[in-house]
Amino acid sequence: MPESTALITSPIGVLAILCVVAGFFFYLEKATGAKLFQFLPPLLFIYITPVILSNVDIGGTTMMPNQSII
């Protein structure tokens, strides 16, 4: 199986994506007031989203690296 490459390889880029994901879910909770967030807190989505972004392989490319690049 060929090794997949990531779209974002810079550590600063990975940090930026993680901050955007966290901000998005906290904003979504405040803006919508959806009952979903009463049962599943935003932190659960914040933990799951990077896992999905690093494991979903589309055309041999993932969004984030799934191992350390340093």
C-alpha atoms as a PDB file:
ATOM      1  CA  MET A   1       0.000   0.000   0.000  1.00  0.00           C
ATOM      2  CA  PRO A   2       1.521   3.355  -0.966  1.00  0.00           C
ATOM      3  CA  GLU A   3       2.167   5.874   1.763  1.00  0.00           C
ATOM      4  CA  SER A   4      -0.435   8.645   1.750  1.00  0.00           C
ATOM      5  CA  THR A   5       0.619  12.266   1.788  1.00  0.00           C
ATOM      6  CA  ALA A   6      -1.015  15.074   3.697  1.00  0.00           C
ATOM      7  CA  LEU A   7      -2.232  18.385   2.306  1.00  0.00           C
ATOM      8  CA  ILE A   8      -1.042  20.240   5.402  1.00  0.00           C
ATOM      9  CA  THR A   9       2.480  19.300   6.464  1.00  0.00           C
ATOM     10  CA  SER A  10       3.638  22.377   8.387  1.00  0.00           C
ATOM     11  CA  PRO A  11       3.305  22.214  12.206  1.00  0.00           C
ATOM     12  CA  ILE A  12       1.904  25.761  12.142  1.00  0.00           C
ATOM     13  CA  GLY A  13      -0.681  24.682   9.571  1.00  0.00           C
ATOM     14  CA  VAL A  14      -1.734  21.747  11.740  1.00  0.00           C
ATOM     15  CA  LEU A  15      -2.041  24.064  14.763  1.00  0.00           C
ATOM     16  CA  ALA A  16      -4.132  26.490  12.702  1.00  0.00           C
ATOM     17  CA  ILE A  17      -6.510  23.712  11.615  1.00  0.00           C
ATOM     18  CA  LEU A  18      -6.898  22.531  15.226  1.00  0.00           C
ATOM     19  CA  CYS A  19      -7.682  26.094  16.376  1.00  0.00           C
ATOM     20  CA  VAL A  20     -10.216  26.588  13.573  1.00  0.00           C
ATOM     21  CA  VAL A  21     -11.931  23.287  14.419  1.00  0.00           C
ATOM     22  CA  ALA A  22     -12.142  24.205  18.121  1.00  0.00           C
ATOM     23  CA  GLY A  23     -13.438  27.696  17.382  1.00  0.00           C
ATOM     24  CA  PHE A  24     -15.981  26.385  14.895  1.00  0.00           C
ATOM     25  CA  PHE A  25     -17.597  23.925  17.300  1.00  0.00           C
ATOM     26  CA  PHE A  26     -17.701  26.373  20.226  1.00  0.00           C
ATOM     27  CA  TYR A  27     -19.214  29.010  17.915  1.00  0.00           C
ATOM     28  CA  LEU A  28     -21.715  26.476  16.584  1.00  0.00           C
ATOM     29  CA  GLU A  29     -22.793  25.634  20.121  1.00  0.00           C
ATOM     30  CA  LYS A  30     -23.347  29.284  21.055  1.00  0.00           C
ATOM     31  CA  ALA A  31     -24.934  30.365  17.768  1.00  0.00           C
ATOM     32  CA  THR A  32     -27.414  27.518  17.349  1.00  0.00           C
ATOM     33  CA  GLY A  33     -28.171  26.454  20.907  1.00  0.00           C
ATOM     34  CA  ALA A  34     -28.902  22.997  19.487  1.00  0.00           C
ATOM     35  CA  LYS A  35     -30.043  20.311  21.882  1.00  0.00           C
ATOM     36  CA  LEU A  36     -27.361  18.044  20.450  1.00  0.00           C
ATOM     37  CA  PHE A  37     -24.756  19.921  22.491  1.00  0.00           C
ATOM     38  CA  GLN A  38     -26.646  19.173  25.713  1.00  0.00           C
ATOM     39  CA  PHE A  39     -25.975  15.461  25.181  1.00  0.00           C
ATOM     40  CA  LEU A  40     -22.680  15.559  23.256  1.00  0.00           C
ATOM     41  CA  PRO A  41     -20.377  18.415  24.286  1.00  0.00           C
ATOM     42  CA  PRO A  42     -18.353  20.322  21.670  1.00  0.00           C
ATOM     43  CA  LEU A  43     -15.120  18.845  23.043  1.00  0.00           C
ATOM     44  CA  LEU A  44     -16.199  15.444  21.759  1.00  0.00           C
ATOM     45  CA  PHE A  45     -16.465  16.830  18.216  1.00  0.00           C
ATOM     46  CA  ILE A  46     -13.167  18.701  18.656  1.00  0.00           C
ATOM     47  CA  TYR A  47     -11.432  15.405  19.506  1.00  0.00           C
ATOM     48  CA  ILE A  48     -13.085  13.408  16.727  1.00  0.00           C
ATOM     49  CA  THR A  49     -12.630  15.875  13.833  1.00  0.00           C
ATOM     50  CA  PRO A  50      -8.784  15.748  13.663  1.00  0.00           C
ATOM     51  CA  VAL A  51      -8.928  11.949  13.833  1.00  0.00           C
ATOM     52  CA  ILE A  52     -11.252  11.924  10.851  1.00  0.00           C
ATOM     53  CA  LEU A  53      -9.146  14.493   8.969  1.00  0.00           C
ATOM     54  CA  SER A  54      -5.988  12.441   9.450  1.00  0.00           C
ATOM     55  CA  ASN A  55      -7.507   9.070   8.554  1.00  0.00           C
ATOM     56  CA  VAL A  56      -9.866   9.720   5.644  1.00  0.00           C
ATOM     57  CA  ASP A  57      -7.888   9.078   2.469  1.00  0.00           C
ATOM     58  CA  ILE A  58      -9.199  10.779  -0.681  1.00  0.00           C
ATOM     59  CA  GLY A  59      -7.189  10.063  -3.785  1.00  0.00           C
ATOM     60  CA  GLY A  60      -4.100   9.059  -1.801  1.00  0.00           C
ATOM     61  CA  THR A  61      -4.118  12.288   0.199  1.00  0.00           C
ATOM     62  CA  THR A  62      -5.223  13.052   3.743  1.00  0.00           C
ATOM     63  CA  MET A  63      -5.964  16.496   5.134  1.00  0.00           C
ATOM     64  CA  MET A  64      -3.596  16.259   8.128  1.00  0.00           C
ATOM     65  CA  PRO A  65      -0.570  14.025   8.766  1.00  0.00           C
ATOM     66  CA  ASN A  66      -1.265  10.951  10.870  1.00  0.00           C
ATOM     67  CA  GLN A  67       2.245  10.808  12.336  1.00  0.00           C
ATOM     68  CA  SER A  68       4.804  13.304  13.553  1.00  0.00           C
ATOM     69  CA  ILE A  69       6.686  15.102  10.809  1.00  0.00           C
ATOM     70  CA  ILE A  70       9.486  16.311  13.076  1.00  0.00           C
END
